[in-house]
């Protein structure tokens, strides 16, 4: 990675850490929140014949985690291009 200047390097890492923090908050809410904290409230809702709290703990969180990986990949590719550090 060759940044144009030190300012771009700092801005890149600031933006990268901000994105990472946002995605980790989503990860925490889905894994800990939906799977443990809000499970009783979510269990009152049926989803494909299962209680929603159970479904999130067993299946839904996995789908969200995979989606987070793709969101991170897309955002980082765009950020790399914007800062001129993408692979050709």
PDB file of N, CA and C in Angstrom:
ATOM      1  N   UNK A   1       0.843  -1.174   0.000  1.00  0.00           N
ATOM      2  CA  UNK A   1       0.000   0.000   0.000  1.00  0.00           C
ATOM      3  C   UNK A   1       0.883   1.231   0.000  1.00  0.00           C
ATOM      4  N   UNK A   2       0.707   2.023  -1.001  1.00  0.00           N
ATOM      5  CA  UNK A   2       1.468   3.271  -1.086  1.00  0.00           C
ATOM      6  C   UNK A   2       0.490   4.439  -1.077  1.00  0.00           C
ATOM      7  N   UNK A   3       0.425   5.109   0.054  1.00  0.00           N
ATOM      8  CA  UNK A   3      -0.454   6.269   0.154  1.00  0.00           C
ATOM      9  C   UNK A   3       0.226   7.472  -0.471  1.00  0.00           C
ATOM     10  N   UNK A   4      -0.603   8.382  -0.964  1.00  0.00           N
ATOM     11  CA  UNK A   4      -0.068   9.593  -1.590  1.00  0.00           C
ATOM     12  C   UNK A   4       0.644  10.470  -0.575  1.00  0.00           C
ATOM     13  N   UNK A   5       0.099  10.544   0.626  1.00  0.00           N
ATOM     14  CA  UNK A   5       0.727  11.342   1.680  1.00  0.00           C
ATOM     15  C   UNK A   5       0.277  10.821   3.041  1.00  0.00           C
ATOM     16  N   UNK A   6       0.872  11.370   4.075  1.00  0.00           N
ATOM     17  CA  UNK A   6       0.574  10.932   5.443  1.00  0.00           C
ATOM     18  C   UNK A   6      -0.867  11.259   5.845  1.00  0.00           C
ATOM     19  N   UNK A   7      -1.397  12.360   5.328  1.00  0.00           N
ATOM     20  CA  UNK A   7      -2.780  12.765   5.624  1.00  0.00           C
ATOM     21  C   UNK A   7      -3.778  11.722   5.106  1.00  0.00           C
ATOM     22  N   UNK A   8      -3.554  11.233   3.881  1.00  0.00           N
ATOM     23  CA  UNK A   8      -4.422  10.190   3.320  1.00  0.00           C
ATOM     24  C   UNK A   8      -4.343   8.905   4.146  1.00  0.00           C
ATOM     25  N   UNK A   9      -3.146   8.584   4.599  1.00  0.00           N
ATOM     26  CA  UNK A   9      -2.957   7.374   5.403  1.00  0.00           C
ATOM     27  C   UNK A   9      -3.756   7.454   6.705  1.00  0.00           C
ATOM     28  N   UNK A  10      -3.682   8.592   7.378  1.00  0.00           N
ATOM     29  CA  UNK A  10      -4.423   8.764   8.632  1.00  0.00           C
ATOM     30  C   UNK A  10      -5.929   8.749   8.388  1.00  0.00           C
ATOM     31  N   UNK A  11      -6.377   9.404   7.321  1.00  0.00           N
ATOM     32  CA  UNK A  11      -7.808   9.438   7.000  1.00  0.00           C
ATOM     33  C   UNK A  11      -8.318   8.040   6.650  1.00  0.00           C
ATOM     34  N   UNK A  12      -7.514   7.291   5.905  1.00  0.00           N
ATOM     35  CA  UNK A  12      -7.874   5.925   5.532  1.00  0.00           C
ATOM     36  C   UNK A  12      -8.084   5.068   6.775  1.00  0.00           C
ATOM     37  N   UNK A  13      -7.135   5.090   7.705  1.00  0.00           N
ATOM     38  CA  UNK A  13      -7.240   4.250   8.893  1.00  0.00           C
ATOM     39  C   UNK A  13      -8.331   4.732   9.833  1.00  0.00           C
ATOM     40  N   UNK A  14      -8.570   6.035   9.884  1.00  0.00           N
ATOM     41  CA  UNK A  14      -9.668   6.560  10.694  1.00  0.00           C
ATOM     42  C   UNK A  14     -10.996   6.043  10.152  1.00  0.00           C
ATOM     43  N   UNK A  15     -11.160   6.101   8.830  1.00  0.00           N
ATOM     44  CA  UNK A  15     -12.388   5.620   8.197  1.00  0.00           C
ATOM     45  C   UNK A  15     -12.534   4.105   8.344  1.00  0.00           C
ATOM     46  N   UNK A  16     -11.422   3.391   8.226  1.00  0.00           N
ATOM     47  CA  UNK A  16     -11.428   1.938   8.374  1.00  0.00           C
ATOM     48  C   UNK A  16     -11.864   1.544   9.787  1.00  0.00           C
ATOM     49  N   UNK A  17     -11.298   2.184  10.800  1.00  0.00           N
ATOM     50  CA  UNK A  17     -11.658   1.860  12.180  1.00  0.00           C
ATOM     51  C   UNK A  17     -13.095   2.254  12.500  1.00  0.00           C
ATOM     52  N   UNK A  18     -13.572   3.328  11.900  1.00  0.00           N
ATOM     53  CA  UNK A  18     -14.962   3.737  12.091  1.00  0.00           C
ATOM     54  C   UNK A  18     -15.909   2.688  11.516  1.00  0.00           C
ATOM     55  N   UNK A  19     -15.623   2.220  10.316  1.00  0.00           N
ATOM     56  CA  UNK A  19     -16.431   1.171   9.691  1.00  0.00           C
ATOM     57  C   UNK A  19     -16.400  -0.098  10.531  1.00  0.00           C
ATOM     58  N   UNK A  20     -15.227  -0.470  10.976  1.00  0.00           N
ATOM     59  CA  UNK A  20     -15.078  -1.674  11.791  1.00  0.00           C
ATOM     60  C   UNK A  20     -15.884  -1.565  13.087  1.00  0.00           C
ATOM     61  N   UNK A  21     -15.852  -0.415  13.729  1.00  0.00           N
ATOM     62  CA  UNK A  21     -16.616  -0.212  14.965  1.00  0.00           C
ATOM     63  C   UNK A  21     -18.117  -0.341  14.713  1.00  0.00           C
ATOM     64  N   UNK A  22     -18.599   0.234  13.617  1.00  0.00           N
ATOM     65  CA  UNK A  22     -20.028   0.146  13.290  1.00  0.00           C
ATOM     66  C   UNK A  22     -20.451  -1.299  13.043  1.00  0.00           C
ATOM     67  N   UNK A  23     -19.634  -2.038  12.311  1.00  0.00           N
ATOM     68  CA  UNK A  23     -19.970  -3.432  12.029  1.00  0.00           C
ATOM     69  C   UNK A  23     -19.899  -4.294  13.290  1.00  0.00           C
ATOM     70  N   UNK A  24     -18.969  -3.984  14.186  1.00  0.00           N
ATOM     71  CA  UNK A  24     -18.895  -4.731  15.442  1.00  0.00           C
ATOM     72  C   UNK A  24     -20.098  -4.451  16.338  1.00  0.00           C
ATOM     73  N   UNK A  25     -20.630  -3.240  16.279  1.00  0.00           N
ATOM     74  CA  UNK A  25     -21.845  -2.927  17.037  1.00  0.00           C
ATOM     75  C   UNK A  25     -23.008  -3.764  16.511  1.00  0.00           C
ATOM     76  N   UNK A  26     -23.131  -3.856  15.186  1.00  0.00           N
ATOM     77  CA  UNK A  26     -24.187  -4.689  14.598  1.00  0.00           C
ATOM     78  C   UNK A  26     -23.988  -6.142  15.017  1.00  0.00           C
ATOM     79  N   UNK A  27     -22.756  -6.619  14.937  1.00  0.00           N
ATOM     80  CA  UNK A  27     -22.445  -7.990  15.336  1.00  0.00           C
ATOM     81  C   UNK A  27     -22.848  -8.239  16.789  1.00  0.00           C
ATOM     82  N   UNK A  28     -22.518  -7.299  17.681  1.00  0.00           N
ATOM     83  CA  UNK A  28     -22.842  -7.448  19.102  1.00  0.00           C
ATOM     84  C   UNK A  28     -24.349  -7.470  19.328  1.00  0.00           C
ATOM     85  N   UNK A  29     -25.062  -6.556  18.676  1.00  0.00           N
ATOM     86  CA  UNK A  29     -26.516  -6.492  18.850  1.00  0.00           C
ATOM     87  C   UNK A  29     -27.174  -7.784  18.382  1.00  0.00           C
ATOM     88  N   UNK A  30     -26.718  -8.298  17.245  1.00  0.00           N
ATOM     89  CA  UNK A  30     -27.318  -9.524  16.711  1.00  0.00           C
ATOM     90  C   UNK A  30     -26.955 -10.734  17.571  1.00  0.00           C
ATOM     91  N   UNK A  31     -25.686 -10.887  17.921  1.00  0.00           N
ATOM     92  CA  UNK A  31     -25.282 -12.092  18.653  1.00  0.00           C
ATOM     93  C   UNK A  31     -25.713 -12.047  20.112  1.00  0.00           C
ATOM     94  N   UNK A  32     -25.400 -10.989  20.809  1.00  0.00           N
ATOM     95  CA  UNK A  32     -25.719 -10.911  22.230  1.00  0.00           C
ATOM     96  C   UNK A  32     -27.147 -10.439  22.457  1.00  0.00           C
ATOM     97  N   UNK A  33     -27.552  -9.425  21.698  1.00  0.00           N
ATOM     98  CA  UNK A  33     -28.888  -8.859  21.882  1.00  0.00           C
ATOM     99  C   UNK A  33     -29.994  -9.801  21.464  1.00  0.00           C
ATOM    100  N   UNK A  34     -30.002 -10.181  20.194  1.00  0.00           N
ATOM    101  CA  UNK A  34     -31.086 -11.029  19.676  1.00  0.00           C
ATOM    102  C   UNK A  34     -31.002 -12.446  20.224  1.00  0.00           C
ATOM    103  N   UNK A  35     -29.798 -12.935  20.463  1.00  0.00           N
ATOM    104  CA  UNK A  35     -29.643 -14.310  20.927  1.00  0.00           C
ATOM    105  C   UNK A  35     -29.817 -14.495  22.421  1.00  0.00           C
ATOM    106  N   UNK A  36     -29.609 -13.425  23.216  1.00  0.00           N
ATOM    107  CA  UNK A  36     -29.655 -13.574  24.673  1.00  0.00           C
ATOM    108  C   UNK A  36     -30.588 -12.558  25.336  1.00  0.00           C
ATOM    109  N   UNK A  37     -30.344 -11.268  25.107  1.00  0.00           N
ATOM    110  CA  UNK A  37     -31.082 -10.233  25.837  1.00  0.00           C
ATOM    111  C   UNK A  37     -32.549 -10.112  25.430  1.00  0.00           C
ATOM    112  N   UNK A  38     -32.806 -10.099  24.133  1.00  0.00           N
ATOM    113  CA  UNK A  38     -34.163  -9.864  23.639  1.00  0.00           C
ATOM    114  C   UNK A  38     -34.886 -11.147  23.246  1.00  0.00           C
ATOM    115  N   UNK A  39     -34.358 -12.283  23.659  1.00  0.00           N
ATOM    116  CA  UNK A  39     -34.905 -13.560  23.211  1.00  0.00           C
ATOM    117  C   UNK A  39     -36.354 -13.752  23.658  1.00  0.00           C
ATOM    118  N   UNK A  40     -36.698 -13.335  24.860  1.00  0.00           N
ATOM    119  CA  UNK A  40     -38.076 -13.527  25.336  1.00  0.00           C
ATOM    120  C   UNK A  40     -39.068 -12.716  24.520  1.00  0.00           C
ATOM    121  N   UNK A  41     -38.723 -11.473  24.222  1.00  0.00           N
ATOM    122  CA  UNK A  41     -39.612 -10.635  23.407  1.00  0.00           C
ATOM    123  C   UNK A  41     -39.694 -11.164  21.979  1.00  0.00           C
ATOM    124  N   UNK A  42     -38.562 -11.609  21.442  1.00  0.00           N
ATOM    125  CA  UNK A  42     -38.549 -12.124  20.072  1.00  0.00           C
ATOM    126  C   UNK A  42     -39.278 -13.457  19.954  1.00  0.00           C
ATOM    127  N   UNK A  43     -39.298 -14.230  21.018  1.00  0.00           N
ATOM    128  CA  UNK A  43     -39.955 -15.541  20.974  1.00  0.00           C
ATOM    129  C   UNK A  43     -41.466 -15.443  20.831  1.00  0.00           C
ATOM    130  N   UNK A  44     -42.026 -14.285  21.027  1.00  0.00           N
ATOM    131  CA  UNK A  44     -43.467 -14.102  20.840  1.00  0.00           C
ATOM    132  C   UNK A  44     -43.836 -13.999  19.364  1.00  0.00           C
ATOM    133  N   UNK A  45     -42.839 -13.879  18.509  1.00  0.00           N
ATOM    134  CA  UNK A  45     -43.050 -13.771  17.061  1.00  0.00           C
ATOM    135  C   UNK A  45     -42.646 -15.096  16.419  1.00  0.00           C
ATOM    136  N   UNK A  46     -43.492 -15.603  15.539  1.00  0.00           N
ATOM    137  CA  UNK A  46     -43.188 -16.837  14.807  1.00  0.00           C
ATOM    138  C   UNK A  46     -42.535 -16.491  13.472  1.00  0.00           C
ATOM    139  N   UNK A  47     -41.500 -17.244  13.103  1.00  0.00           N
ATOM    140  CA  UNK A  47     -40.802 -17.049  11.835  1.00  0.00           C
ATOM    141  C   UNK A  47     -40.536 -18.419  11.240  1.00  0.00           C
ATOM    142  N   UNK A  48     -41.185 -18.732  10.122  1.00  0.00           N
ATOM    143  CA  UNK A  48     -41.085 -20.053   9.489  1.00  0.00           C
ATOM    144  C   UNK A  48     -41.420 -21.176  10.473  1.00  0.00           C
ATOM    145  N   UNK A  49     -42.377 -20.919  11.353  1.00  0.00           N
ATOM    146  CA  UNK A  49     -42.801 -21.925  12.312  1.00  0.00           C
ATOM    147  C   UNK A  49     -41.951 -22.018  13.565  1.00  0.00           C
ATOM    148  N   UNK A  50     -40.915 -21.206  13.672  1.00  0.00           N
ATOM    149  CA  UNK A  50     -40.043 -21.211  14.846  1.00  0.00           C
ATOM    150  C   UNK A  50     -40.197 -19.899  15.594  1.00  0.00           C
ATOM    151  N   UNK A  51     -39.901 -19.936  16.874  1.00  0.00           N
ATOM    152  CA  UNK A  51     -39.876 -18.695  17.640  1.00  0.00           C
ATOM    153  C   UNK A  51     -38.700 -17.863  17.139  1.00  0.00           C
ATOM    154  N   UNK A  52     -38.929 -16.561  16.955  1.00  0.00           N
ATOM    155  CA  UNK A  52     -37.912 -15.703  16.339  1.00  0.00           C
ATOM    156  C   UNK A  52     -36.626 -15.637  17.160  1.00  0.00           C
ATOM    157  N   UNK A  53     -36.731 -15.629  18.479  1.00  0.00           N
ATOM    158  CA  UNK A  53     -35.532 -15.614  19.321  1.00  0.00           C
ATOM    159  C   UNK A  53     -34.679 -16.851  19.109  1.00  0.00           C
ATOM    160  N   UNK A  54     -35.330 -18.001  19.048  1.00  0.00           N
ATOM    161  CA  UNK A  54     -34.620 -19.253  18.786  1.00  0.00           C
ATOM    162  C   UNK A  54     -33.989 -19.226  17.396  1.00  0.00           C
ATOM    163  N   UNK A  55     -34.767 -18.756  16.405  1.00  0.00           N
ATOM    164  CA  UNK A  55     -34.260 -18.714  15.034  1.00  0.00           C
ATOM    165  C   UNK A  55     -33.034 -17.819  14.925  1.00  0.00           C
ATOM    166  N   UNK A  56     -33.072 -16.643  15.574  1.00  0.00           N
ATOM    167  CA  UNK A  56     -31.915 -15.747  15.535  1.00  0.00           C
ATOM    168  C   UNK A  56     -30.702 -16.384  16.191  1.00  0.00           C
ATOM    169  N   UNK A  57     -30.909 -17.054  17.306  1.00  0.00           N
ATOM    170  CA  UNK A  57     -29.791 -17.677  18.007  1.00  0.00           C
ATOM    171  C   UNK A  57     -29.177 -18.808  17.189  1.00  0.00           C
ATOM    172  N   UNK A  58     -29.999 -19.529  16.422  1.00  0.00           N
ATOM    173  CA  UNK A  58     -29.506 -20.691  15.693  1.00  0.00           C
ATOM    174  C   UNK A  58     -29.130 -20.408  14.241  1.00  0.00           C
ATOM    175  N   UNK A  59     -29.935 -19.619  13.526  1.00  0.00           N
ATOM    176  CA  UNK A  59     -29.729 -19.433  12.092  1.00  0.00           C
ATOM    177  C   UNK A  59     -29.527 -17.975  11.686  1.00  0.00           C
ATOM    178  N   UNK A  60     -30.363 -17.111  12.194  1.00  0.00           N
ATOM    179  CA  UNK A  60     -30.375 -15.720  11.742  1.00  0.00           C
ATOM    180  C   UNK A  60     -29.067 -14.997  11.954  1.00  0.00           C
ATOM    181  N   UNK A  61     -28.430 -15.260  13.091  1.00  0.00           N
ATOM    182  CA  UNK A  61     -27.168 -14.578  13.364  1.00  0.00           C
ATOM    183  C   UNK A  61     -26.095 -14.977  12.354  1.00  0.00           C
ATOM    184  N   UNK A  62     -26.108 -16.208  11.905  1.00  0.00           N
ATOM    185  CA  UNK A  62     -25.129 -16.654  10.910  1.00  0.00           C
ATOM    186  C   UNK A  62     -25.319 -15.894   9.603  1.00  0.00           C
ATOM    187  N   UNK A  63     -26.576 -15.722   9.176  1.00  0.00           N
ATOM    188  CA  UNK A  63     -26.847 -14.960   7.954  1.00  0.00           C
ATOM    189  C   UNK A  63     -26.382 -13.517   8.091  1.00  0.00           C
ATOM    190  N   UNK A  64     -26.617 -12.933   9.244  1.00  0.00           N
ATOM    191  CA  UNK A  64     -26.185 -11.549   9.466  1.00  0.00           C
ATOM    192  C   UNK A  64     -24.662 -11.467   9.448  1.00  0.00           C
ATOM    193  N   UNK A  65     -23.978 -12.415  10.059  1.00  0.00           N
ATOM    194  CA  UNK A  65     -22.517 -12.398  10.087  1.00  0.00           C
ATOM    195  C   UNK A  65     -21.929 -12.510   8.680  1.00  0.00           C
ATOM    196  N   UNK A  66     -22.489 -13.378   7.865  1.00  0.00           N
ATOM    197  CA  UNK A  66     -22.021 -13.504   6.475  1.00  0.00           C
ATOM    198  C   UNK A  66     -22.291 -12.211   5.711  1.00  0.00           C
ATOM    199  N   UNK A  67     -23.452 -11.606   5.934  1.00  0.00           N
ATOM    200  CA  UNK A  67     -23.770 -10.331   5.285  1.00  0.00           C
ATOM    201  C   UNK A  67     -22.783  -9.248   5.722  1.00  0.00           C
ATOM    202  N   UNK A  68     -22.386  -9.248   6.995  1.00  0.00           N
ATOM    203  CA  UNK A  68     -21.410  -8.266   7.480  1.00  0.00           C
ATOM    204  C   UNK A  68     -20.068  -8.415   6.762  1.00  0.00           C
ATOM    205  N   UNK A  69     -19.677  -9.631   6.470  1.00  0.00           N
ATOM    206  CA  UNK A  69     -18.425  -9.863   5.742  1.00  0.00           C
ATOM    207  C   UNK A  69     -18.502  -9.241   4.353  1.00  0.00           C
ATOM    208  N   UNK A  70     -19.621  -9.436   3.667  1.00  0.00           N
ATOM    209  CA  UNK A  70     -19.771  -8.870   2.329  1.00  0.00           C
ATOM    210  C   UNK A  70     -19.870  -7.348   2.360  1.00  0.00           C
ATOM    211  N   UNK A  71     -20.528  -6.803   3.369  1.00  0.00           N
ATOM    212  CA  UNK A  71     -20.602  -5.343   3.512  1.00  0.00           C
ATOM    213  C   UNK A  71     -19.206  -4.781   3.738  1.00  0.00           C
ATOM    214  N   UNK A  72     -18.438  -5.414   4.620  1.00  0.00           N
ATOM    215  CA  UNK A  72     -17.070  -4.955   4.889  1.00  0.00           C
ATOM    216  C   UNK A  72     -16.217  -5.023   3.624  1.00  0.00           C
ATOM    217  N   UNK A  73     -16.343  -6.105   2.883  1.00  0.00           N
ATOM    218  CA  UNK A  73     -15.572  -6.262   1.655  1.00  0.00           C
ATOM    219  C   UNK A  73     -15.905  -5.164   0.649  1.00  0.00           C
ATOM    220  N   UNK A  74     -17.181  -4.901   0.439  1.00  0.00           N
ATOM    221  CA  UNK A  74     -17.600  -3.887  -0.530  1.00  0.00           C
ATOM    222  C   UNK A  74     -17.149  -2.495  -0.101  1.00  0.00           C
ATOM    223  N   UNK A  75     -17.333  -2.183   1.181  1.00  0.00           N
ATOM    224  CA  UNK A  75     -16.936  -0.859   1.685  1.00  0.00           C
ATOM    225  C   UNK A  75     -15.422  -0.670   1.612  1.00  0.00           C
ATOM    226  N   UNK A  76     -14.664  -1.702   1.940  1.00  0.00           N
ATOM    227  CA  UNK A  76     -13.202  -1.588   1.898  1.00  0.00           C
ATOM    228  C   UNK A  76     -12.691  -1.480   0.469  1.00  0.00           C
ATOM    229  N   UNK A  77     -13.295  -2.195  -0.469  1.00  0.00           N
ATOM    230  CA  UNK A  77     -12.893  -2.051  -1.867  1.00  0.00           C
ATOM    231  C   UNK A  77     -13.137  -0.633  -2.357  1.00  0.00           C
ATOM    232  N   UNK A  78     -14.286  -0.056  -1.998  1.00  0.00           N
ATOM    233  CA  UNK A  78     -14.587   1.324  -2.391  1.00  0.00           C
ATOM    234  C   UNK A  78     -13.615   2.296  -1.727  1.00  0.00           C
ATOM    235  N   UNK A  79     -13.305   2.060  -0.459  1.00  0.00           N
ATOM    236  CA  UNK A  79     -12.379   2.932   0.252  1.00  0.00           C
ATOM    237  C   UNK A  79     -10.974   2.832  -0.342  1.00  0.00           C
ATOM    238  N   UNK A  80     -10.543   1.628  -0.684  1.00  0.00           N
ATOM    239  CA  UNK A  80      -9.231   1.447  -1.311  1.00  0.00           C
ATOM    240  C   UNK A  80      -9.133   2.231  -2.612  1.00  0.00           C
ATOM    241  N   UNK A  81     -10.175   2.175  -3.423  1.00  0.00           N
ATOM    242  CA  UNK A  81     -10.173   2.928  -4.682  1.00  0.00           C
ATOM    243  C   UNK A  81     -10.144   4.422  -4.432  1.00  0.00           C
ATOM    244  N   UNK A  82     -10.914   4.871  -3.450  1.00  0.00           N
ATOM    245  CA  UNK A  82     -10.987   6.300  -3.149  1.00  0.00           C
ATOM    246  C   UNK A  82      -9.631   6.847  -2.701  1.00  0.00           C
ATOM    247  N   UNK A  83      -8.863   6.043  -1.968  1.00  0.00           N
ATOM    248  CA  UNK A  83      -7.560   6.494  -1.480  1.00  0.00           C
ATOM    249  C   UNK A  83      -6.405   6.061  -2.385  1.00  0.00           C
ATOM    250  N   UNK A  84      -6.720   5.398  -3.480  1.00  0.00           N
ATOM    251  CA  UNK A  84      -5.691   5.022  -4.447  1.00  0.00           C
ATOM    252  C   UNK A  84      -4.778   3.903  -3.996  1.00  0.00           C
ATOM    253  N   UNK A  85      -5.269   3.009  -3.151  1.00  0.00           N
ATOM    254  CA  UNK A  85      -4.444   1.894  -2.685  1.00  0.00           C
ATOM    255  C   UNK A  85      -5.030   0.546  -3.096  1.00  0.00           C
ATOM    256  N   UNK A  86      -5.911   0.560  -4.087  1.00  0.00           N
ATOM    257  CA  UNK A  86      -6.527  -0.681  -4.542  1.00  0.00           C
ATOM    258  C   UNK A  86      -5.569  -1.449  -5.433  1.00  0.00           C
ATOM    259  N   UNK A  87      -5.855  -2.743  -5.560  1.00  0.00           N
ATOM    260  CA  UNK A  87      -5.054  -3.581  -6.443  1.00  0.00           C
ATOM    261  C   UNK A  87      -5.600  -3.454  -7.848  1.00  0.00           C
ATOM    262  N   UNK A  88      -4.719  -3.354  -8.777  1.00  0.00           N
ATOM    263  CA  UNK A  88      -5.135  -3.196 -10.162  1.00  0.00           C
ATOM    264  C   UNK A  88      -5.718  -4.440 -10.715  1.00  0.00           C
TER     265      UNK A  88
END
